[in-house]
């Protein structure tokens, strides 16, 4: 029992440790751009996204709980229903965030007490990175589902891949194309979208056989 708990807990601990790394990586890259303005803009922009996404942490937790309940009962049809419902809600909220990005940006900027140049760079970062909102929230749902299925290793691997892609893409755009803060934002955004597709690939690899349990007539039950 202790070994089983450890196998579930340890990867989850590693996954949680990697969460703040995305922002730290962006700040580290910004630190080499030659101005403290970029560091401040990335830190503030990252805080905006942390506040936005924190509100939807329930997607991962609730998905994990309901999936674990279905898995324990060996009700794989319901486990698939949970995933479908969670993904629909996650993508729906993500699209709503995209529709409301202008008022969200204005509201967030109103709370920032900094110089105009820093605020301008915060806006640059926000307006690019926001486009991965549906992907980020969809990964919340997928990761919660994986954990509910007693698979904590896959979310850990996904988190590591996300960070590796973020480093690679951000470095490429910043130093290869001299895009500065826009390059950091683009690297972050693309890494999250690409990671979602990798996440979907993992799902089909390990759980594709569960497609046969889908019954759309019971999804809304």
N, C-alpha and C. Protein backbone atom coordinates (compact mmCIF):
# COMPACT_ATOMS: atom_id res chain seq x y z
N UNK A 1 0.84 -1.21 0.00
CA UNK A 1 0.00 0.00 0.00
C UNK A 1 0.87 1.26 0.00
N UNK A 2 1.93 1.25 0.87
CA UNK A 2 2.81 2.42 0.94
C UNK A 2 3.50 2.66 -0.39
N UNK A 3 3.93 1.59 -1.06
CA UNK A 3 4.59 1.73 -2.35
C UNK A 3 3.62 2.28 -3.40
N UNK A 4 2.38 1.84 -3.34
CA UNK A 4 1.38 2.31 -4.29
C UNK A 4 1.12 3.79 -4.10
N UNK A 5 1.02 4.20 -2.84
CA UNK A 5 0.81 5.62 -2.54
C UNK A 5 2.00 6.44 -3.01
N UNK A 6 3.20 5.92 -2.78
CA UNK A 6 4.41 6.63 -3.21
C UNK A 6 4.46 6.77 -4.72
N UNK A 7 4.06 5.71 -5.45
CA UNK A 7 4.08 5.75 -6.91
C UNK A 7 3.12 6.81 -7.45
N UNK A 8 2.06 7.08 -6.71
CA UNK A 8 1.12 8.12 -7.12
C UNK A 8 1.57 9.50 -6.66
N UNK A 9 2.14 9.54 -5.45
CA UNK A 9 2.47 10.84 -4.85
C UNK A 9 3.73 11.46 -5.44
N UNK A 10 4.76 10.64 -5.65
CA UNK A 10 6.04 11.20 -6.09
C UNK A 10 5.95 11.92 -7.44
N UNK A 11 5.37 11.30 -8.47
CA UNK A 11 5.24 12.03 -9.74
C UNK A 11 4.41 13.30 -9.60
N UNK A 12 3.40 13.25 -8.73
CA UNK A 12 2.55 14.43 -8.53
C UNK A 12 3.35 15.55 -7.88
N UNK A 13 4.24 15.19 -6.96
CA UNK A 13 5.11 16.19 -6.32
C UNK A 13 6.01 16.84 -7.36
N UNK A 14 6.60 16.02 -8.22
CA UNK A 14 7.48 16.54 -9.27
C UNK A 14 6.69 17.46 -10.21
N UNK A 15 5.47 17.05 -10.57
CA UNK A 15 4.64 17.87 -11.45
C UNK A 15 4.36 19.23 -10.82
N UNK A 16 4.04 19.23 -9.53
CA UNK A 16 3.75 20.49 -8.84
C UNK A 16 4.99 21.38 -8.73
N UNK A 17 6.15 20.75 -8.58
CA UNK A 17 7.39 21.52 -8.51
C UNK A 17 7.66 22.23 -9.84
N UNK A 18 7.29 21.59 -10.94
CA UNK A 18 7.57 22.17 -12.26
C UNK A 18 6.62 23.31 -12.62
N UNK A 19 5.49 23.43 -11.91
CA UNK A 19 4.49 24.46 -12.26
C UNK A 19 5.09 25.86 -12.27
N UNK A 20 5.79 26.29 -11.19
CA UNK A 20 6.35 27.65 -11.21
C UNK A 20 7.55 27.81 -12.14
N UNK A 21 8.06 26.70 -12.68
CA UNK A 21 9.25 26.78 -13.52
C UNK A 21 8.99 27.55 -14.81
N UNK A 22 7.75 27.47 -15.34
CA UNK A 22 7.45 28.19 -16.57
C UNK A 22 7.72 29.67 -16.40
N UNK A 23 7.19 30.25 -15.32
CA UNK A 23 7.41 31.67 -15.07
C UNK A 23 8.86 31.98 -14.78
N UNK A 24 9.52 31.08 -14.03
CA UNK A 24 10.93 31.30 -13.69
C UNK A 24 11.82 31.25 -14.93
N UNK A 25 11.49 30.34 -15.85
CA UNK A 25 12.26 30.24 -17.09
C UNK A 25 12.12 31.52 -17.90
N UNK A 26 10.88 32.00 -18.02
CA UNK A 26 10.64 33.24 -18.76
C UNK A 26 11.40 34.41 -18.15
N UNK A 27 11.38 34.49 -16.82
CA UNK A 27 12.09 35.58 -16.13
C UNK A 27 13.60 35.45 -16.34
N UNK A 28 14.10 34.22 -16.29
CA UNK A 28 15.54 34.01 -16.49
C UNK A 28 15.98 34.46 -17.88
N UNK A 29 15.17 34.14 -18.88
CA UNK A 29 15.50 34.56 -20.25
C UNK A 29 15.40 36.08 -20.36
N UNK A 30 14.36 36.66 -19.74
CA UNK A 30 14.19 38.12 -19.78
C UNK A 30 15.35 38.82 -19.11
N UNK A 31 15.96 38.16 -18.13
CA UNK A 31 17.08 38.77 -17.41
C UNK A 31 18.30 39.00 -18.27
N UNK A 32 18.34 38.37 -19.43
CA UNK A 32 19.49 38.53 -20.33
C UNK A 32 19.18 39.47 -21.50
N UNK A 33 18.05 40.17 -21.41
CA UNK A 33 17.68 41.08 -22.49
C UNK A 33 18.23 42.49 -22.31
N UNK A 34 18.89 42.73 -21.18
CA UNK A 34 19.58 44.00 -21.00
C UNK A 34 18.79 45.10 -20.32
N UNK A 35 17.61 44.79 -19.82
CA UNK A 35 16.81 45.81 -19.13
C UNK A 35 15.93 45.17 -18.07
N UNK A 36 15.86 45.83 -16.91
CA UNK A 36 15.01 45.34 -15.83
C UNK A 36 13.54 45.46 -16.19
N UNK A 37 13.22 46.28 -17.18
CA UNK A 37 11.84 46.45 -17.63
C UNK A 37 11.26 45.11 -18.09
N UNK A 38 12.07 44.34 -18.82
CA UNK A 38 11.60 43.06 -19.33
C UNK A 38 11.34 42.07 -18.20
N UNK A 39 12.22 42.09 -17.21
CA UNK A 39 12.04 41.19 -16.06
C UNK A 39 10.73 41.53 -15.34
N UNK A 40 10.52 42.82 -15.10
CA UNK A 40 9.30 43.25 -14.42
C UNK A 40 8.06 42.91 -15.22
N UNK A 41 8.14 43.09 -16.53
CA UNK A 41 6.97 42.82 -17.38
C UNK A 41 6.62 41.34 -17.38
N UNK A 42 7.64 40.47 -17.46
CA UNK A 42 7.39 39.03 -17.45
C UNK A 42 6.83 38.59 -16.11
N UNK A 43 7.39 39.12 -15.02
CA UNK A 43 6.91 38.77 -13.68
C UNK A 43 5.46 39.19 -13.50
N UNK A 44 5.14 40.40 -13.92
CA UNK A 44 3.77 40.90 -13.78
C UNK A 44 2.82 40.15 -14.70
N UNK A 45 3.26 39.90 -15.93
CA UNK A 45 2.42 39.15 -16.86
C UNK A 45 2.16 37.74 -16.37
N UNK A 46 3.20 37.11 -15.82
CA UNK A 46 3.03 35.78 -15.26
C UNK A 46 2.05 35.75 -14.10
N UNK A 47 2.09 36.79 -13.27
CA UNK A 47 1.15 36.88 -12.15
C UNK A 47 -0.29 37.01 -12.63
N UNK A 48 -0.49 37.72 -13.73
CA UNK A 48 -1.84 37.85 -14.29
C UNK A 48 -2.38 36.47 -14.66
N UNK A 49 -1.56 35.69 -15.36
CA UNK A 49 -2.01 34.36 -15.76
C UNK A 49 -2.18 33.44 -14.57
N UNK A 50 -1.32 33.56 -13.57
CA UNK A 50 -1.48 32.75 -12.36
C UNK A 50 -2.82 33.02 -11.70
N UNK A 51 -3.20 34.29 -11.64
CA UNK A 51 -4.48 34.65 -11.02
C UNK A 51 -5.66 34.14 -11.85
N UNK A 52 -5.54 34.26 -13.17
CA UNK A 52 -6.63 33.80 -14.05
C UNK A 52 -6.79 32.29 -13.95
N UNK A 53 -5.71 31.55 -14.12
CA UNK A 53 -5.80 30.09 -14.15
C UNK A 53 -6.06 29.49 -12.78
N UNK A 54 -5.63 30.18 -11.72
CA UNK A 54 -5.87 29.67 -10.36
C UNK A 54 -7.37 29.49 -10.11
N UNK A 55 -8.18 30.37 -10.70
CA UNK A 55 -9.62 30.29 -10.50
C UNK A 55 -10.23 29.02 -11.07
N UNK A 56 -9.50 28.36 -11.95
CA UNK A 56 -10.05 27.18 -12.61
C UNK A 56 -9.31 25.91 -12.23
N UNK A 57 -8.63 25.96 -11.10
CA UNK A 57 -7.97 24.77 -10.59
C UNK A 57 -8.95 23.65 -10.28
N UNK A 58 -10.22 24.01 -10.10
CA UNK A 58 -11.24 22.99 -9.82
C UNK A 58 -11.36 22.00 -10.97
N UNK A 59 -10.98 22.41 -12.18
CA UNK A 59 -11.08 21.49 -13.32
C UNK A 59 -10.24 20.24 -13.09
N UNK A 60 -9.05 20.44 -12.60
CA UNK A 60 -8.16 19.31 -12.34
C UNK A 60 -8.64 18.51 -11.13
N UNK A 61 -8.98 19.19 -10.05
CA UNK A 61 -9.35 18.50 -8.82
C UNK A 61 -10.65 17.72 -8.97
N UNK A 62 -11.67 18.36 -9.55
CA UNK A 62 -12.96 17.69 -9.69
C UNK A 62 -12.87 16.54 -10.69
N UNK A 63 -12.14 16.76 -11.78
CA UNK A 63 -11.97 15.69 -12.76
C UNK A 63 -11.26 14.49 -12.14
N UNK A 64 -10.24 14.76 -11.35
CA UNK A 64 -9.51 13.70 -10.67
C UNK A 64 -10.42 12.91 -9.74
N UNK A 65 -11.23 13.62 -8.95
CA UNK A 65 -12.10 12.95 -7.99
C UNK A 65 -13.17 12.10 -8.65
N UNK A 66 -13.87 12.66 -9.62
CA UNK A 66 -14.94 11.92 -10.30
C UNK A 66 -14.39 10.74 -11.11
N UNK A 67 -13.22 10.94 -11.71
CA UNK A 67 -12.60 9.86 -12.48
C UNK A 67 -12.18 8.72 -11.57
N UNK A 68 -11.58 9.05 -10.43
CA UNK A 68 -11.16 8.03 -9.47
C UNK A 68 -12.36 7.23 -8.97
N UNK A 69 -13.47 7.91 -8.76
CA UNK A 69 -14.68 7.23 -8.32
C UNK A 69 -15.15 6.23 -9.38
N UNK A 70 -15.17 6.67 -10.64
CA UNK A 70 -15.59 5.79 -11.73
C UNK A 70 -14.60 4.65 -11.93
N UNK A 71 -13.31 4.96 -11.82
CA UNK A 71 -12.28 3.93 -11.99
C UNK A 71 -12.38 2.87 -10.90
N UNK A 72 -12.60 3.31 -9.67
CA UNK A 72 -12.73 2.37 -8.56
C UNK A 72 -13.92 1.45 -8.72
N UNK A 73 -14.98 1.96 -9.35
CA UNK A 73 -16.18 1.15 -9.59
C UNK A 73 -16.06 0.35 -10.89
N UNK A 74 -14.93 0.48 -11.58
CA UNK A 74 -14.70 -0.17 -12.88
C UNK A 74 -15.75 0.24 -13.90
N UNK A 75 -16.23 1.47 -13.75
CA UNK A 75 -17.24 2.02 -14.67
C UNK A 75 -16.51 2.89 -15.69
N UNK A 76 -15.96 2.27 -16.72
CA UNK A 76 -15.14 2.98 -17.68
C UNK A 76 -15.96 3.90 -18.58
N UNK A 77 -17.23 3.57 -18.74
CA UNK A 77 -18.10 4.47 -19.50
C UNK A 77 -18.24 5.81 -18.79
N UNK A 78 -18.41 5.77 -17.48
CA UNK A 78 -18.52 7.01 -16.71
C UNK A 78 -17.19 7.74 -16.67
N UNK A 79 -16.09 7.00 -16.63
CA UNK A 79 -14.77 7.64 -16.67
C UNK A 79 -14.60 8.44 -17.96
N UNK A 80 -15.06 7.89 -19.06
CA UNK A 80 -15.00 8.62 -20.33
C UNK A 80 -15.94 9.82 -20.32
N UNK A 81 -17.11 9.65 -19.71
CA UNK A 81 -18.05 10.77 -19.60
C UNK A 81 -17.43 11.93 -18.83
N UNK A 82 -16.72 11.61 -17.76
CA UNK A 82 -16.06 12.65 -16.95
C UNK A 82 -15.05 13.40 -17.80
N UNK A 83 -14.26 12.68 -18.59
CA UNK A 83 -13.26 13.33 -19.44
C UNK A 83 -13.92 14.24 -20.46
N UNK A 84 -14.96 13.75 -21.11
CA UNK A 84 -15.64 14.56 -22.13
C UNK A 84 -16.23 15.82 -21.51
N UNK A 85 -16.92 15.66 -20.38
CA UNK A 85 -17.52 16.82 -19.72
C UNK A 85 -16.45 17.83 -19.33
N UNK A 86 -15.36 17.33 -18.75
CA UNK A 86 -14.30 18.22 -18.29
C UNK A 86 -13.66 18.98 -19.44
N UNK A 87 -13.43 18.28 -20.55
CA UNK A 87 -12.82 18.94 -21.71
C UNK A 87 -13.74 19.98 -22.31
N UNK A 88 -15.03 19.67 -22.37
CA UNK A 88 -15.99 20.65 -22.90
C UNK A 88 -16.01 21.91 -22.03
N UNK A 89 -16.04 21.71 -20.71
CA UNK A 89 -16.04 22.85 -19.79
C UNK A 89 -14.73 23.62 -19.91
N UNK A 90 -13.60 22.90 -19.95
CA UNK A 90 -12.29 23.54 -20.01
C UNK A 90 -12.12 24.37 -21.28
N UNK A 91 -12.44 23.78 -22.41
CA UNK A 91 -12.30 24.50 -23.68
C UNK A 91 -13.29 25.66 -23.74
N UNK A 92 -14.50 25.43 -23.22
CA UNK A 92 -15.49 26.51 -23.20
C UNK A 92 -15.03 27.70 -22.39
N UNK A 93 -14.48 27.43 -21.21
CA UNK A 93 -13.96 28.52 -20.37
C UNK A 93 -12.77 29.19 -21.06
N UNK A 94 -11.91 28.38 -21.68
CA UNK A 94 -10.76 28.94 -22.39
C UNK A 94 -11.18 29.88 -23.50
N UNK A 95 -12.19 29.49 -24.26
CA UNK A 95 -12.69 30.36 -25.34
C UNK A 95 -13.33 31.62 -24.77
N UNK A 96 -14.00 31.48 -23.63
CA UNK A 96 -14.60 32.65 -22.98
C UNK A 96 -13.51 33.62 -22.53
N UNK A 97 -12.42 33.09 -22.02
CA UNK A 97 -11.29 33.94 -21.63
C UNK A 97 -10.76 34.70 -22.84
N UNK A 98 -10.67 34.02 -23.98
CA UNK A 98 -10.21 34.70 -25.20
C UNK A 98 -11.17 35.82 -25.60
N UNK A 99 -12.46 35.57 -25.47
CA UNK A 99 -13.45 36.59 -25.82
C UNK A 99 -13.37 37.79 -24.87
N UNK A 100 -13.00 37.51 -23.62
CA UNK A 100 -12.96 38.57 -22.60
C UNK A 100 -11.54 39.08 -22.35
N UNK A 101 -10.63 38.79 -23.25
CA UNK A 101 -9.23 39.15 -22.99
C UNK A 101 -9.01 40.66 -22.86
N UNK A 102 -9.78 41.45 -23.59
CA UNK A 102 -9.60 42.91 -23.50
C UNK A 102 -9.99 43.43 -22.12
N UNK A 103 -11.20 43.12 -21.62
CA UNK A 103 -11.52 43.59 -20.26
C UNK A 103 -10.64 42.97 -19.18
N UNK A 104 -10.20 41.72 -19.38
CA UNK A 104 -9.30 41.10 -18.41
C UNK A 104 -7.98 41.86 -18.37
N UNK A 105 -7.47 42.20 -19.55
CA UNK A 105 -6.21 42.95 -19.62
C UNK A 105 -6.35 44.32 -18.95
N UNK A 106 -7.43 45.01 -19.25
CA UNK A 106 -7.64 46.35 -18.68
C UNK A 106 -7.75 46.28 -17.17
N UNK A 107 -8.50 45.30 -16.68
CA UNK A 107 -8.67 45.16 -15.24
C UNK A 107 -7.34 44.86 -14.57
N UNK A 108 -6.57 43.94 -15.16
CA UNK A 108 -5.28 43.57 -14.58
C UNK A 108 -4.31 44.74 -14.59
N UNK A 109 -4.25 45.46 -15.70
CA UNK A 109 -3.32 46.58 -15.83
C UNK A 109 -3.63 47.69 -14.83
N UNK A 110 -4.91 47.84 -14.49
CA UNK A 110 -5.31 48.87 -13.52
C UNK A 110 -4.69 48.63 -12.15
N UNK A 111 -4.33 47.38 -11.86
CA UNK A 111 -3.76 47.06 -10.55
C UNK A 111 -2.23 47.12 -10.57
N UNK A 112 -1.67 47.36 -11.74
CA UNK A 112 -0.21 47.40 -11.86
C UNK A 112 0.30 48.82 -11.62
N UNK A 113 1.15 48.96 -10.65
CA UNK A 113 1.76 50.26 -10.36
C UNK A 113 3.20 50.24 -10.87
N UNK A 114 3.35 50.60 -12.12
CA UNK A 114 4.68 50.59 -12.72
C UNK A 114 4.74 51.61 -13.84
N UNK A 115 5.90 51.76 -14.44
CA UNK A 115 6.09 52.74 -15.50
C UNK A 115 5.38 52.33 -16.78
N UNK A 116 5.14 53.28 -17.67
CA UNK A 116 4.42 53.01 -18.92
C UNK A 116 5.12 52.00 -19.82
N UNK A 117 6.45 52.00 -19.82
CA UNK A 117 7.17 51.05 -20.69
C UNK A 117 7.00 49.62 -20.19
N UNK A 118 7.03 49.46 -18.88
CA UNK A 118 6.80 48.13 -18.32
C UNK A 118 5.40 47.65 -18.62
N UNK A 119 4.42 48.53 -18.45
CA UNK A 119 3.03 48.18 -18.71
C UNK A 119 2.84 47.81 -20.18
N UNK A 120 3.48 48.53 -21.08
CA UNK A 120 3.38 48.21 -22.51
C UNK A 120 3.90 46.80 -22.78
N UNK A 121 4.99 46.44 -22.13
CA UNK A 121 5.55 45.10 -22.33
C UNK A 121 4.70 44.02 -21.68
N UNK A 122 4.05 44.35 -20.57
CA UNK A 122 3.09 43.43 -19.97
C UNK A 122 1.97 43.14 -20.96
N UNK A 123 1.50 44.17 -21.62
CA UNK A 123 0.43 44.01 -22.61
C UNK A 123 0.88 43.15 -23.78
N UNK A 124 2.12 43.38 -24.25
CA UNK A 124 2.65 42.55 -25.34
C UNK A 124 2.64 41.08 -24.94
N UNK A 125 3.13 40.81 -23.74
CA UNK A 125 3.21 39.44 -23.23
C UNK A 125 1.82 38.83 -23.10
N UNK A 126 0.91 39.58 -22.50
CA UNK A 126 -0.44 39.07 -22.25
C UNK A 126 -1.16 38.77 -23.55
N UNK A 127 -1.08 39.67 -24.51
CA UNK A 127 -1.86 39.54 -25.74
C UNK A 127 -1.42 38.37 -26.61
N UNK A 128 -0.20 37.90 -26.41
CA UNK A 128 0.27 36.73 -27.14
C UNK A 128 0.00 35.45 -26.34
N UNK A 129 0.41 35.45 -25.08
CA UNK A 129 0.32 34.24 -24.26
C UNK A 129 -1.12 33.83 -23.97
N UNK A 130 -2.05 34.76 -24.02
CA UNK A 130 -3.45 34.47 -23.70
C UNK A 130 -4.07 33.46 -24.66
N UNK A 131 -3.52 33.36 -25.88
CA UNK A 131 -4.12 32.50 -26.89
C UNK A 131 -3.97 31.02 -26.59
N UNK A 132 -3.19 30.68 -25.60
CA UNK A 132 -3.08 29.26 -25.21
C UNK A 132 -4.02 28.91 -24.06
N UNK A 133 -4.90 29.82 -23.68
CA UNK A 133 -5.80 29.56 -22.55
C UNK A 133 -6.62 28.28 -22.72
N UNK A 134 -7.25 28.04 -23.88
CA UNK A 134 -8.00 26.78 -24.03
C UNK A 134 -7.10 25.55 -23.86
N UNK A 135 -5.87 25.62 -24.36
CA UNK A 135 -4.95 24.49 -24.24
C UNK A 135 -4.55 24.26 -22.79
N UNK A 136 -4.27 25.34 -22.07
CA UNK A 136 -3.88 25.22 -20.66
C UNK A 136 -4.99 24.57 -19.84
N UNK A 137 -6.21 25.03 -20.03
CA UNK A 137 -7.32 24.49 -19.25
C UNK A 137 -7.67 23.07 -19.68
N UNK A 138 -7.50 22.77 -20.96
CA UNK A 138 -7.72 21.39 -21.41
C UNK A 138 -6.72 20.45 -20.76
N UNK A 139 -5.49 20.92 -20.58
CA UNK A 139 -4.48 20.09 -19.90
C UNK A 139 -4.82 19.92 -18.43
N UNK A 140 -5.46 20.91 -17.82
CA UNK A 140 -5.95 20.74 -16.45
C UNK A 140 -6.86 19.51 -16.40
N UNK A 141 -7.79 19.44 -17.37
CA UNK A 141 -8.75 18.34 -17.41
C UNK A 141 -8.05 17.00 -17.66
N UNK A 142 -7.15 16.98 -18.64
CA UNK A 142 -6.43 15.74 -18.95
C UNK A 142 -5.60 15.26 -17.76
N UNK A 143 -4.87 16.18 -17.12
CA UNK A 143 -4.03 15.79 -15.99
C UNK A 143 -4.85 15.27 -14.83
N UNK A 144 -5.99 15.92 -14.57
CA UNK A 144 -6.87 15.44 -13.52
C UNK A 144 -7.39 14.05 -13.83
N UNK A 145 -7.71 13.81 -15.10
CA UNK A 145 -8.23 12.51 -15.51
C UNK A 145 -7.15 11.43 -15.37
N UNK A 146 -5.94 11.74 -15.81
CA UNK A 146 -4.84 10.78 -15.68
C UNK A 146 -4.64 10.39 -14.22
N UNK A 147 -4.64 11.38 -13.34
CA UNK A 147 -4.43 11.10 -11.92
C UNK A 147 -5.58 10.26 -11.37
N UNK A 148 -6.80 10.58 -11.78
CA UNK A 148 -7.95 9.79 -11.35
C UNK A 148 -7.87 8.34 -11.81
N UNK A 149 -7.21 8.11 -12.93
CA UNK A 149 -7.00 6.75 -13.45
C UNK A 149 -5.76 6.10 -12.83
N UNK A 150 -5.27 6.68 -11.74
CA UNK A 150 -4.10 6.15 -11.01
C UNK A 150 -2.82 6.23 -11.83
N UNK A 151 -2.76 7.21 -12.71
CA UNK A 151 -1.58 7.40 -13.55
C UNK A 151 -1.02 8.79 -13.29
N UNK A 152 -0.11 8.88 -12.33
CA UNK A 152 0.49 10.17 -12.01
C UNK A 152 1.76 10.42 -12.81
N UNK A 153 2.28 9.38 -13.44
CA UNK A 153 3.54 9.51 -14.19
C UNK A 153 3.35 10.34 -15.46
N UNK A 154 2.24 10.13 -16.17
CA UNK A 154 2.02 10.86 -17.43
C UNK A 154 1.94 12.37 -17.21
N UNK A 155 1.18 12.88 -16.22
CA UNK A 155 1.19 14.33 -15.98
C UNK A 155 2.58 14.87 -15.67
N UNK A 156 3.40 14.06 -14.97
CA UNK A 156 4.78 14.49 -14.68
C UNK A 156 5.58 14.63 -15.97
N UNK A 157 5.47 13.65 -16.85
CA UNK A 157 6.18 13.69 -18.13
C UNK A 157 5.71 14.86 -18.96
N UNK A 158 4.40 15.10 -18.97
CA UNK A 158 3.82 16.21 -19.73
C UNK A 158 4.36 17.54 -19.21
N UNK A 159 4.45 17.68 -17.89
CA UNK A 159 4.96 18.93 -17.30
C UNK A 159 6.42 19.16 -17.69
N UNK A 160 7.21 18.09 -17.68
CA UNK A 160 8.62 18.21 -18.05
C UNK A 160 8.76 18.59 -19.52
N UNK A 161 7.95 17.96 -20.37
CA UNK A 161 7.98 18.28 -21.80
C UNK A 161 7.59 19.74 -22.03
N UNK A 162 6.58 20.19 -21.32
CA UNK A 162 6.12 21.58 -21.46
C UNK A 162 7.25 22.56 -21.13
N UNK A 163 7.95 22.30 -20.05
CA UNK A 163 9.06 23.18 -19.66
C UNK A 163 10.20 23.12 -20.67
N UNK A 164 10.51 21.92 -21.15
CA UNK A 164 11.59 21.78 -22.13
C UNK A 164 11.26 22.52 -23.42
N UNK A 165 10.01 22.39 -23.87
CA UNK A 165 9.59 23.10 -25.08
C UNK A 165 9.63 24.61 -24.88
N UNK A 166 9.22 25.04 -23.69
CA UNK A 166 9.21 26.47 -23.40
C UNK A 166 10.63 27.05 -23.48
N UNK A 167 11.58 26.33 -22.91
CA UNK A 167 12.98 26.77 -22.96
C UNK A 167 13.46 26.84 -24.41
N UNK A 168 13.23 25.76 -25.15
CA UNK A 168 13.71 25.68 -26.53
C UNK A 168 13.10 26.77 -27.41
N UNK A 169 11.77 26.92 -27.35
CA UNK A 169 11.10 27.88 -28.22
C UNK A 169 11.40 29.32 -27.82
N UNK A 170 11.39 29.59 -26.52
CA UNK A 170 11.67 30.95 -26.07
C UNK A 170 13.08 31.38 -26.45
N UNK A 171 14.05 30.49 -26.23
CA UNK A 171 15.43 30.79 -26.63
C UNK A 171 15.53 31.04 -28.13
N UNK A 172 14.82 30.23 -28.90
CA UNK A 172 14.86 30.37 -30.36
C UNK A 172 14.31 31.71 -30.80
N UNK A 173 13.15 32.08 -30.27
CA UNK A 173 12.52 33.33 -30.69
C UNK A 173 13.26 34.56 -30.17
N UNK A 174 13.78 34.46 -28.95
CA UNK A 174 14.45 35.62 -28.35
C UNK A 174 15.83 35.84 -28.96
N UNK A 175 16.63 34.78 -29.04
CA UNK A 175 18.01 34.94 -29.50
C UNK A 175 18.18 34.66 -30.99
N UNK A 176 17.29 33.83 -31.54
CA UNK A 176 17.39 33.53 -32.97
C UNK A 176 16.72 34.57 -33.85
N UNK A 177 15.62 35.14 -33.34
CA UNK A 177 14.85 36.10 -34.13
C UNK A 177 14.77 37.48 -33.48
N UNK A 178 15.48 37.64 -32.36
CA UNK A 178 15.55 38.94 -31.67
C UNK A 178 14.16 39.51 -31.38
N UNK A 179 13.24 38.67 -30.90
CA UNK A 179 11.86 39.09 -30.66
C UNK A 179 11.64 39.60 -29.24
N UNK A 180 12.67 39.47 -28.39
CA UNK A 180 12.59 39.97 -27.02
C UNK A 180 11.36 39.44 -26.28
N UNK A 181 10.60 40.33 -25.64
CA UNK A 181 9.50 39.85 -24.79
C UNK A 181 8.41 39.16 -25.60
N UNK A 182 8.23 39.58 -26.85
CA UNK A 182 7.25 38.92 -27.71
C UNK A 182 7.68 37.48 -27.99
N UNK A 183 8.98 37.27 -28.10
CA UNK A 183 9.50 35.92 -28.32
C UNK A 183 9.27 35.02 -27.12
N UNK A 184 9.43 35.58 -25.93
CA UNK A 184 9.17 34.81 -24.71
C UNK A 184 7.70 34.42 -24.64
N UNK A 185 6.83 35.37 -24.92
CA UNK A 185 5.39 35.10 -24.89
C UNK A 185 5.01 34.07 -25.94
N UNK A 186 5.57 34.20 -27.13
CA UNK A 186 5.26 33.26 -28.21
C UNK A 186 5.77 31.86 -27.88
N UNK A 187 6.95 31.79 -27.30
CA UNK A 187 7.50 30.50 -26.89
C UNK A 187 6.63 29.82 -25.85
N UNK A 188 6.17 30.60 -24.87
CA UNK A 188 5.29 30.06 -23.83
C UNK A 188 3.97 29.59 -24.42
N UNK A 189 3.38 30.41 -25.26
CA UNK A 189 2.09 30.07 -25.87
C UNK A 189 2.18 28.82 -26.73
N UNK A 190 3.17 28.76 -27.61
CA UNK A 190 3.30 27.61 -28.51
C UNK A 190 3.66 26.34 -27.75
N UNK A 191 4.48 26.46 -26.71
CA UNK A 191 4.85 25.27 -25.93
C UNK A 191 3.62 24.66 -25.27
N UNK A 192 2.71 25.49 -24.80
CA UNK A 192 1.50 24.99 -24.16
C UNK A 192 0.56 24.33 -25.16
N UNK A 193 0.45 24.90 -26.34
CA UNK A 193 -0.41 24.31 -27.37
C UNK A 193 0.17 22.99 -27.88
N UNK A 194 1.47 22.98 -28.14
CA UNK A 194 2.13 21.75 -28.61
C UNK A 194 2.03 20.66 -27.54
N UNK A 195 2.21 21.05 -26.28
CA UNK A 195 2.13 20.08 -25.19
C UNK A 195 0.74 19.47 -25.10
N UNK A 196 -0.29 20.25 -25.39
CA UNK A 196 -1.65 19.69 -25.38
C UNK A 196 -1.76 18.57 -26.41
N UNK A 197 -1.24 18.79 -27.60
CA UNK A 197 -1.30 17.74 -28.63
C UNK A 197 -0.49 16.52 -28.23
N UNK A 198 0.63 16.73 -27.56
CA UNK A 198 1.41 15.61 -27.04
C UNK A 198 0.61 14.87 -25.98
N UNK A 199 -0.08 15.63 -25.14
CA UNK A 199 -0.94 15.06 -24.10
C UNK A 199 -2.03 14.18 -24.73
N UNK A 200 -2.64 14.68 -25.80
CA UNK A 200 -3.66 13.91 -26.51
C UNK A 200 -3.03 12.63 -27.08
N UNK A 201 -1.80 12.74 -27.59
CA UNK A 201 -1.10 11.57 -28.10
C UNK A 201 -0.88 10.53 -27.02
N UNK A 202 -0.50 10.96 -25.82
CA UNK A 202 -0.34 10.03 -24.70
C UNK A 202 -1.66 9.35 -24.38
N UNK A 203 -2.74 10.13 -24.43
CA UNK A 203 -4.04 9.55 -24.10
C UNK A 203 -4.38 8.44 -25.09
N UNK A 204 -4.22 8.70 -26.38
CA UNK A 204 -4.54 7.67 -27.37
C UNK A 204 -3.61 6.46 -27.25
N UNK A 205 -2.38 6.71 -26.85
CA UNK A 205 -1.44 5.59 -26.71
C UNK A 205 -1.83 4.67 -25.56
N UNK A 206 -2.21 5.26 -24.43
CA UNK A 206 -2.48 4.45 -23.25
C UNK A 206 -3.96 4.13 -23.03
N UNK A 207 -4.84 4.97 -23.57
CA UNK A 207 -6.26 4.79 -23.27
C UNK A 207 -7.15 4.80 -24.51
N UNK A 208 -6.55 4.74 -25.68
CA UNK A 208 -7.34 4.77 -26.91
C UNK A 208 -8.39 3.68 -26.97
N UNK A 209 -8.10 2.54 -26.34
CA UNK A 209 -9.06 1.43 -26.35
C UNK A 209 -10.35 1.78 -25.62
N UNK A 210 -10.31 2.82 -24.79
CA UNK A 210 -11.50 3.19 -24.02
C UNK A 210 -12.52 3.98 -24.85
N UNK A 211 -12.16 4.28 -26.09
CA UNK A 211 -13.12 4.97 -26.97
C UNK A 211 -14.40 4.16 -27.13
N UNK A 212 -14.29 2.85 -27.01
CA UNK A 212 -15.46 1.99 -27.20
C UNK A 212 -16.49 2.17 -26.08
N UNK A 213 -16.07 2.79 -24.97
CA UNK A 213 -16.99 2.99 -23.85
C UNK A 213 -17.79 4.29 -23.96
N UNK A 214 -17.50 5.09 -24.97
CA UNK A 214 -18.19 6.37 -25.10
C UNK A 214 -19.64 6.15 -25.51
N UNK A 215 -20.54 6.74 -24.76
CA UNK A 215 -21.97 6.73 -25.08
C UNK A 215 -22.47 8.15 -24.89
N UNK A 216 -22.58 8.88 -25.98
CA UNK A 216 -22.92 10.30 -25.89
C UNK A 216 -24.28 10.54 -25.25
N UNK A 217 -25.14 9.53 -25.27
CA UNK A 217 -26.47 9.70 -24.68
C UNK A 217 -26.41 9.79 -23.16
N UNK A 218 -25.29 9.36 -22.57
CA UNK A 218 -25.17 9.39 -21.10
C UNK A 218 -24.25 10.50 -20.61
N UNK A 219 -23.63 11.24 -21.52
CA UNK A 219 -22.67 12.27 -21.11
C UNK A 219 -23.31 13.32 -20.22
N UNK A 220 -24.54 13.69 -20.51
CA UNK A 220 -25.22 14.74 -19.76
C UNK A 220 -26.02 14.22 -18.58
N UNK A 221 -25.94 12.92 -18.32
CA UNK A 221 -26.69 12.35 -17.19
C UNK A 221 -26.13 12.84 -15.86
